[in-house]
């Protein structure tokens, strides 16, 4: 008979007593050899918060340019001006590329790009204004905290005033990217000149205080320690205590291929599932933990629904950032594929908007009215 992990049993008792987990607990969760028991703990917490619901959104990604003034060692997306592989969309091209959003049933546009050295601030405000005018029902979820700091320098305004102008132009939520890992030791190795963890937190606090919502991310599987992962989650938890405006937490697994850190071995699927589970248990004030299938892979994303995740992101479409880093997942999944993926995990598929308001929920009646159409990619059965 397999012996139970005493640390996991101790943590289980804390959870049963509604006691908040701390740094030591987080590290013990990462180190437990009993992955099955960890999964059960995390799944129970997710079920307590969201029942059997697993969410997705009809979204589209718009990566407006990969020309970037920064050089982050973990990034395969950014290019210098005139470097091979660099691109930039003018406003007319952006509006043309997004012309079919309403026809395609898209409810969220996810907008991020490089820190372009010459685009004026008006490029970003006119982009938001033009998109919102053309697609008033589509939520504009745009920019990382790193982009916001860059736009502040472009505009000559402080960060709060920059956010006010962007919100006035149509910005409705921040993407949550650019967090990477907050710990200075690791951050100095992978993106030394980038916005630091303290400023990332401050920018999101400002956004939250003016009514904007955002996600929170963590890039892991590079040079960080387990303690630094837990520290990152606890800092985000503290801001959520303060503002309550984060929508979801998204652990992002590092893809070393095509980066300056290509010699690092990519984190295992087990590590990704473990990280999802630890996040679900540590982040007691987050309603939603997302497994971003673009980075995890479809099979792992489905399994993550049993490790505390309750959201798979969405349909995505034309994602560039992680595919340039070596991701071999599709660039888009069809709505019916996501529904069937969730069904086969034993969960209830819920189509949501950006803010987790349900648009459609899977029911026995829906099974008849919305039967799944097979796509070229077969939907795995969860083992």
Protein backbone atom coordinates (compact mmCIF):
# COMPACT_ATOMS: atom_id res chain seq x y z
CA UNK A 1 0.00 0.00 0.00
CA UNK A 2 1.36 3.42 -0.98
CA UNK A 3 2.19 5.58 2.01
CA UNK A 4 0.68 9.04 2.03
CA UNK A 5 2.90 12.11 1.93
CA UNK A 6 2.85 13.62 5.46
CA UNK A 7 3.32 17.14 4.10
CA UNK A 8 0.34 16.71 1.82
CA UNK A 9 -1.75 15.39 4.71
CA UNK A 10 -0.75 18.42 6.79
CA UNK A 11 -1.77 20.75 3.95
CA UNK A 12 -5.04 18.88 3.50
CA UNK A 13 -5.87 19.56 7.15
CA UNK A 14 -5.10 23.27 6.69
CA UNK A 15 -7.38 23.41 3.67
CA UNK A 16 -10.16 21.62 5.54
CA UNK A 17 -9.81 24.19 8.33
CA UNK A 18 -9.94 27.09 5.81
CA UNK A 19 -6.40 28.12 6.71
CA UNK A 20 -4.43 29.98 4.08
CA UNK A 21 -1.41 28.24 2.55
CA UNK A 22 2.01 29.90 2.81
CA UNK A 23 5.41 29.74 1.12
CA UNK A 24 6.45 26.50 2.83
CA UNK A 25 3.16 24.86 1.87
CA UNK A 26 3.59 25.89 -1.75
CA UNK A 27 7.07 24.41 -1.93
CA UNK A 28 5.85 21.20 -0.29
CA UNK A 29 3.07 20.95 -2.88
CA UNK A 30 5.60 21.24 -5.69
CA UNK A 31 7.76 18.57 -4.08
CA UNK A 32 5.09 16.02 -3.15
CA UNK A 33 5.65 12.64 -4.83
CA UNK A 34 1.91 11.93 -4.72
CA UNK A 35 0.71 13.59 -7.93
CA UNK A 36 -2.63 11.80 -7.82
CA UNK A 37 -3.44 13.11 -4.35
CA UNK A 38 -2.34 16.60 -5.39
CA UNK A 39 -4.68 16.37 -8.38
CA UNK A 40 -7.57 15.36 -6.14
CA UNK A 41 -6.98 18.27 -3.78
CA UNK A 42 -6.85 20.78 -6.61
CA UNK A 43 -9.84 19.31 -8.44
CA UNK A 44 -11.88 19.45 -5.24
CA UNK A 45 -11.04 23.13 -4.82
CA UNK A 46 -11.94 23.89 -8.45
CA UNK A 47 -15.22 22.01 -8.05
CA UNK A 48 -16.05 23.95 -4.89
CA UNK A 49 -15.60 27.20 -6.81
CA UNK A 50 -17.08 26.38 -10.23
CA UNK A 51 -18.80 23.01 -10.00
CA UNK A 52 -18.04 20.91 -13.07
CA UNK A 53 -17.88 23.95 -15.35
CA UNK A 54 -14.95 24.36 -17.73
CA UNK A 55 -14.85 27.62 -19.65
CA UNK A 56 -13.77 28.79 -23.09
CA UNK A 57 -14.16 31.99 -25.08
CA UNK A 58 -14.62 32.71 -28.76
CA UNK A 59 -11.54 34.87 -29.19
CA UNK A 60 -9.02 35.99 -31.76
CA UNK A 61 -5.41 37.05 -31.25
CA UNK A 62 -3.97 40.14 -32.92
CA UNK A 63 -0.18 40.43 -32.68
CA UNK A 64 0.12 43.81 -34.40
CA UNK A 65 3.93 43.80 -34.74
CA UNK A 66 6.93 41.82 -33.52
CA UNK A 67 9.38 44.70 -33.93
CA UNK A 68 10.67 45.30 -30.41
CA UNK A 69 13.17 47.59 -28.69
CA UNK A 70 13.79 45.00 -25.95
CA UNK A 71 15.93 41.86 -26.06
CA UNK A 72 14.57 39.23 -23.67
CA UNK A 73 16.52 35.99 -23.63
CA UNK A 74 13.37 33.86 -23.42
CA UNK A 75 11.65 35.47 -26.42
CA UNK A 76 11.65 34.16 -29.99
CA UNK A 77 8.98 36.63 -31.12
CA UNK A 78 10.68 40.03 -30.96
CA UNK A 79 12.79 41.31 -33.84
CA UNK A 80 14.79 44.46 -34.39
CA UNK A 81 13.76 46.96 -37.06
CA UNK A 82 14.72 45.65 -40.53
CA UNK A 83 15.64 42.24 -39.09
CA UNK A 84 14.56 39.22 -41.11
CA UNK A 85 11.22 37.94 -39.83
CA UNK A 86 10.11 41.30 -38.49
CA UNK A 87 6.69 42.61 -39.43
CA UNK A 88 4.27 45.41 -38.59
CA UNK A 89 0.63 45.99 -39.45
CA UNK A 90 -0.65 49.43 -40.30
CA UNK A 91 -4.12 50.37 -39.11
CA UNK A 92 -5.82 49.54 -42.42
CA UNK A 93 -4.32 46.05 -42.33
CA UNK A 94 -5.45 45.57 -38.73
CA UNK A 95 -9.01 46.55 -39.61
CA UNK A 96 -8.95 44.29 -42.67
CA UNK A 97 -7.63 41.32 -40.66
CA UNK A 98 -10.38 41.74 -38.08
CA UNK A 99 -13.24 42.52 -40.47
CA UNK A 100 -14.89 39.12 -39.92
CA UNK A 101 -14.97 39.16 -36.09
CA UNK A 102 -18.74 39.55 -35.80
CA UNK A 103 -19.49 37.05 -38.56
CA UNK A 104 -17.19 34.51 -36.85
CA UNK A 105 -18.93 34.96 -33.49
CA UNK A 106 -15.81 36.38 -31.82
CA UNK A 107 -16.50 38.12 -28.49
CA UNK A 108 -12.92 38.93 -27.42
CA UNK A 109 -9.93 40.35 -29.27
CA UNK A 110 -6.58 39.69 -27.53
CA UNK A 111 -4.07 42.35 -28.64
CA UNK A 112 -0.33 42.26 -27.85
CA UNK A 113 2.86 43.06 -29.71
CA UNK A 114 6.47 44.10 -29.42
CA UNK A 115 7.67 47.43 -28.01
CA UNK A 116 7.77 49.12 -31.39
CA UNK A 117 10.41 51.89 -31.40
CA UNK A 118 8.68 54.29 -33.82
CA UNK A 119 4.91 53.76 -33.67
CA UNK A 120 3.37 56.90 -32.09
CA UNK A 121 0.95 56.71 -29.18
CA UNK A 122 -1.83 57.69 -31.60
CA UNK A 123 -1.31 54.38 -33.44
CA UNK A 124 -2.57 52.52 -30.36
CA UNK A 125 -5.45 54.84 -29.51
CA UNK A 126 -6.64 54.91 -33.13
CA UNK A 127 -6.36 51.11 -33.30
CA UNK A 128 -8.60 50.74 -30.24
CA UNK A 129 -11.04 53.41 -31.42
CA UNK A 130 -11.29 51.91 -34.90
CA UNK A 131 -11.80 48.36 -33.62
CA UNK A 132 -14.44 49.39 -31.10
CA UNK A 133 -16.30 51.47 -33.70
CA UNK A 134 -16.34 48.54 -36.13
CA UNK A 135 -17.03 45.83 -33.52
CA UNK A 136 -18.80 47.37 -30.51
CA UNK A 137 -19.78 43.97 -29.07
CA UNK A 138 -16.22 42.60 -29.10
CA UNK A 139 -14.26 43.10 -25.87
CA UNK A 140 -10.85 44.65 -26.44
CA UNK A 141 -8.42 42.89 -24.10
CA UNK A 142 -5.11 44.47 -24.94
CA UNK A 143 -1.51 45.04 -23.91
CA UNK A 144 0.79 43.74 -21.23
CA UNK A 145 2.03 45.88 -18.35
CA UNK A 146 5.32 46.09 -20.26
CA UNK A 147 3.52 47.59 -23.25
CA UNK A 148 1.65 50.01 -20.98
CA UNK A 149 4.94 51.32 -19.56
CA UNK A 150 6.28 51.66 -23.13
CA UNK A 151 3.13 53.53 -24.22
CA UNK A 152 3.50 55.84 -21.23
CA UNK A 153 6.94 56.85 -22.48
CA UNK A 154 5.58 57.32 -26.01
CA UNK A 155 2.69 59.47 -24.83
CA UNK A 156 4.71 61.62 -22.43
CA UNK A 157 2.03 60.89 -19.81
CA UNK A 158 2.34 59.09 -16.52
CA UNK A 159 1.11 55.50 -16.42
CA UNK A 160 -2.23 56.33 -14.84
CA UNK A 161 -2.99 59.01 -17.47
CA UNK A 162 -1.87 56.63 -20.22
CA UNK A 163 -4.32 53.99 -18.97
CA UNK A 164 -7.08 56.61 -18.83
CA UNK A 165 -6.46 57.54 -22.48
CA UNK A 166 -6.39 53.90 -23.57
CA UNK A 167 -9.58 53.16 -21.66
CA UNK A 168 -11.23 56.18 -23.26
CA UNK A 169 -10.19 54.79 -26.66
CA UNK A 170 -11.79 51.39 -26.03
CA UNK A 171 -9.47 49.33 -23.80
CA UNK A 172 -11.57 47.08 -21.53
CA UNK A 173 -9.09 44.65 -19.96
CA UNK A 174 -5.35 43.97 -19.76
CA UNK A 175 -3.98 40.66 -20.98
CA UNK A 176 -1.82 39.94 -17.91
CA UNK A 177 1.32 39.15 -19.87
CA UNK A 178 4.82 40.42 -19.18
CA UNK A 179 4.84 39.19 -15.58
CA UNK A 180 7.37 36.44 -16.44
CA UNK A 181 8.82 35.69 -12.97
CA UNK A 182 8.92 38.44 -10.34
CA UNK A 183 12.03 37.37 -8.40
CA UNK A 184 14.92 39.73 -9.19
CA UNK A 185 17.50 36.92 -9.28
CA UNK A 186 15.74 35.08 -12.11
CA UNK A 187 14.36 38.16 -13.83
CA UNK A 188 17.82 39.69 -14.10
CA UNK A 189 18.94 36.61 -16.01
CA UNK A 190 16.14 36.45 -18.57
CA UNK A 191 14.92 40.06 -19.03
CA UNK A 192 17.13 42.39 -17.01
CA UNK A 193 16.03 45.66 -18.65
CA UNK A 194 12.32 44.87 -18.68
CA UNK A 195 9.67 46.26 -16.33
CA UNK A 196 10.33 44.64 -12.96
CA UNK A 197 7.87 42.72 -10.81
CA UNK A 198 7.08 45.66 -8.54
CA UNK A 199 6.18 47.92 -11.47
CA UNK A 200 4.10 45.14 -13.07
CA UNK A 201 2.09 44.93 -9.85
CA UNK A 202 1.79 48.74 -9.65
CA UNK A 203 0.49 49.01 -13.23
CA UNK A 204 -2.16 46.37 -12.61
CA UNK A 205 -3.14 48.08 -9.35
CA UNK A 206 -3.67 51.35 -11.24
CA UNK A 207 -5.68 49.57 -13.94
CA UNK A 208 -7.83 47.79 -11.35
CA UNK A 209 -8.47 50.99 -9.42
CA UNK A 210 -9.89 52.66 -12.53
CA UNK A 211 -12.26 49.76 -13.18
CA UNK A 212 -10.27 47.69 -15.68
CA UNK A 213 -9.99 43.94 -15.22
CA UNK A 214 -6.93 41.85 -16.04
CA UNK A 215 -5.43 38.39 -15.97
CA UNK A 216 -2.19 37.44 -14.24
CA UNK A 217 0.49 35.21 -15.73
CA UNK A 218 3.69 33.45 -14.70
CA UNK A 219 6.34 32.21 -17.12
CA UNK A 220 8.09 29.20 -15.62
CA UNK A 221 10.44 26.40 -16.62
CA UNK A 222 13.55 28.49 -17.31
CA UNK A 223 15.98 29.57 -14.56
CA UNK A 224 13.56 30.08 -11.67
CA UNK A 225 13.46 27.99 -8.50
CA UNK A 226 10.34 26.44 -6.99
CA UNK A 227 10.53 29.02 -4.22
CA UNK A 228 10.48 31.78 -6.83
CA UNK A 229 7.39 30.29 -8.45
CA UNK A 230 5.61 30.27 -5.11
CA UNK A 231 6.81 33.82 -4.35
CA UNK A 232 5.36 34.95 -7.69
CA UNK A 233 1.96 33.44 -6.91
CA UNK A 234 1.89 34.91 -3.42
CA UNK A 235 2.61 38.42 -4.71
CA UNK A 236 -0.24 38.12 -7.17
CA UNK A 237 -2.49 36.77 -4.41
CA UNK A 238 -1.67 39.81 -2.28
CA UNK A 239 -2.76 42.20 -5.04
CA UNK A 240 -5.95 40.20 -5.54
CA UNK A 241 -6.63 40.60 -1.81
CA UNK A 242 -6.31 44.34 -2.33
CA UNK A 243 -8.27 44.87 -5.56
CA UNK A 244 -10.21 41.70 -6.42
CA UNK A 245 -9.98 42.59 -10.09
CA UNK A 246 -7.96 39.71 -11.53
CA UNK A 247 -10.04 37.44 -13.76
CA UNK A 248 -7.77 34.40 -13.90
CA UNK A 249 -4.25 33.13 -13.29
CA UNK A 250 -2.38 31.60 -16.22
CA UNK A 251 0.84 29.58 -15.76
CA UNK A 252 2.78 29.72 -19.04
CA UNK A 253 5.37 27.05 -19.72
CA UNK A 254 8.58 28.33 -21.29
CA UNK A 255 9.40 27.13 -24.82
CA UNK A 256 13.22 27.21 -25.13
CA UNK A 257 13.37 26.40 -28.85
CA UNK A 258 14.50 29.35 -31.03
CA UNK A 259 15.46 31.48 -28.00
CA UNK A 260 18.78 32.46 -26.40
CA UNK A 261 17.95 29.89 -23.69
CA UNK A 262 17.55 27.01 -26.14
CA UNK A 263 19.84 24.75 -24.10
CA UNK A 264 17.35 24.62 -21.22
CA UNK A 265 15.28 21.45 -21.16
CA UNK A 266 11.58 22.21 -21.53
CA UNK A 267 9.47 21.58 -18.43
CA UNK A 268 7.67 18.24 -18.46
CA UNK A 269 3.95 17.77 -18.85
CA UNK A 270 3.87 16.56 -15.25
CA UNK A 271 5.50 19.80 -14.13
CA UNK A 272 2.84 21.80 -15.96
CA UNK A 273 0.02 19.83 -14.34
CA UNK A 274 1.70 20.18 -10.96
CA UNK A 275 2.04 23.94 -11.43
CA UNK A 276 -1.64 24.24 -12.34
CA UNK A 277 -2.58 22.30 -9.19
CA UNK A 278 -0.33 24.34 -6.90
CA UNK A 279 -1.75 27.56 -8.33
CA UNK A 280 -5.30 26.36 -7.70
CA UNK A 281 -4.50 25.62 -4.05
CA UNK A 282 -2.38 28.70 -3.31
CA UNK A 283 -4.53 31.27 -5.09
CA UNK A 284 -7.57 30.93 -2.85
CA UNK A 285 -8.90 34.35 -3.94
CA UNK A 286 -8.88 33.56 -7.68
CA UNK A 287 -12.05 32.09 -9.14
CA UNK A 288 -10.35 30.81 -12.29
CA UNK A 289 -7.11 29.04 -13.22
CA UNK A 290 -6.48 28.85 -16.95
CA UNK A 291 -4.53 26.24 -18.87
CA UNK A 292 -3.50 27.94 -22.10
CA UNK A 293 -3.66 25.08 -24.61
CA UNK A 294 -1.42 26.91 -27.10
CA UNK A 295 1.53 26.44 -24.73
CA UNK A 296 0.63 23.28 -22.84
CA UNK A 297 -0.60 21.21 -25.77
CA UNK A 298 -4.14 19.94 -26.20
CA UNK A 299 -3.73 16.65 -24.30
CA UNK A 300 -2.18 18.34 -21.26
CA UNK A 301 -4.80 21.10 -21.30
CA UNK A 302 -7.54 18.49 -21.14
CA UNK A 303 -5.82 16.68 -18.25
CA UNK A 304 -5.37 20.01 -16.47
CA UNK A 305 -9.16 20.11 -16.04
CA UNK A 306 -8.58 17.39 -13.42
CA UNK A 307 -5.69 19.29 -11.81
CA UNK A 308 -7.55 22.46 -10.82
CA UNK A 309 -7.85 24.30 -14.13
CA UNK A 310 -11.34 25.39 -15.14
CA UNK A 311 -10.56 27.37 -18.30
CA UNK A 312 -8.88 26.44 -21.60
CA UNK A 313 -8.74 29.99 -23.03
CA UNK A 314 -10.43 29.91 -26.42
CA UNK A 315 -10.40 29.53 -30.16
CA UNK A 316 -7.36 31.91 -30.46
CA UNK A 317 -6.65 32.03 -34.23
CA UNK A 318 -3.34 33.17 -35.80
CA UNK A 319 -1.24 33.10 -32.63
CA UNK A 320 2.38 34.08 -33.38
CA UNK A 321 4.29 34.56 -30.13
CA UNK A 322 4.53 30.95 -28.92
CA UNK A 323 4.55 29.41 -32.36
CA UNK A 324 7.68 31.41 -33.19
CA UNK A 325 9.14 29.89 -30.01
CA UNK A 326 8.49 26.36 -31.24
CA UNK A 327 4.94 25.58 -30.13
CA UNK A 328 3.54 22.80 -32.34
CA UNK A 329 -0.08 23.17 -31.30
CA UNK A 330 -2.63 24.34 -33.87
CA UNK A 331 -3.01 28.11 -34.24
CA UNK A 332 -6.77 27.81 -33.83
CA UNK A 333 -9.32 25.40 -32.37
CA UNK A 334 -12.92 25.34 -33.49
CA UNK A 335 -15.71 25.92 -30.99
CA UNK A 336 -17.10 22.41 -31.34
CA UNK A 337 -13.67 20.90 -30.79
CA UNK A 338 -13.32 22.74 -27.47
CA UNK A 339 -16.79 21.61 -26.40
CA UNK A 340 -16.02 17.98 -27.15
CA UNK A 341 -12.60 18.26 -25.50
CA UNK A 342 -14.27 19.43 -22.29
CA UNK A 343 -17.03 16.79 -22.49
CA UNK A 344 -14.45 14.02 -22.76
CA UNK A 345 -12.80 15.34 -19.60
CA UNK A 346 -16.09 14.81 -17.79
CA UNK A 347 -16.72 18.54 -17.38
CA UNK A 348 -19.50 20.88 -18.48
CA UNK A 349 -18.48 23.21 -21.31
CA UNK A 350 -19.40 26.86 -20.77
CA UNK A 351 -18.81 29.47 -23.45
CA UNK A 352 -18.06 32.73 -21.66
CA UNK A 353 -17.27 36.33 -22.41
CA UNK A 354 -14.05 37.99 -21.24
CA UNK A 355 -15.51 38.59 -17.78
CA UNK A 356 -16.80 35.02 -17.27
CA UNK A 357 -20.44 35.80 -17.89
CA UNK A 358 -21.90 32.63 -19.50
CA UNK A 359 -22.98 32.89 -23.14
CA UNK A 360 -23.79 29.20 -23.68
CA UNK A 361 -23.75 26.17 -21.40
CA UNK A 362 -23.57 22.52 -22.38
CA UNK A 363 -26.72 20.63 -21.40
CA UNK A 364 -28.39 17.40 -22.57
CA UNK A 365 -30.57 19.59 -24.77
CA UNK A 366 -27.47 21.30 -26.15
CA UNK A 367 -26.03 17.90 -27.04
CA UNK A 368 -28.90 17.50 -29.48
CA UNK A 369 -28.94 21.05 -30.78
CA UNK A 370 -25.19 21.58 -31.02
CA UNK A 371 -23.71 18.21 -31.91
CA UNK A 372 -19.95 18.36 -32.28
CA UNK A 373 -18.48 18.45 -35.75
CA UNK A 374 -15.24 16.52 -35.97
CA UNK A 375 -12.20 18.61 -36.89
CA UNK A 376 -9.01 17.45 -38.51
CA UNK A 377 -7.42 17.18 -35.06
CA UNK A 378 -8.93 14.23 -33.16
CA UNK A 379 -10.24 15.00 -29.70
CA UNK A 380 -8.39 12.87 -27.12
CA UNK A 381 -10.25 10.75 -24.59
CA UNK A 382 -8.95 11.55 -21.12
CA UNK A 383 -7.16 8.58 -19.60
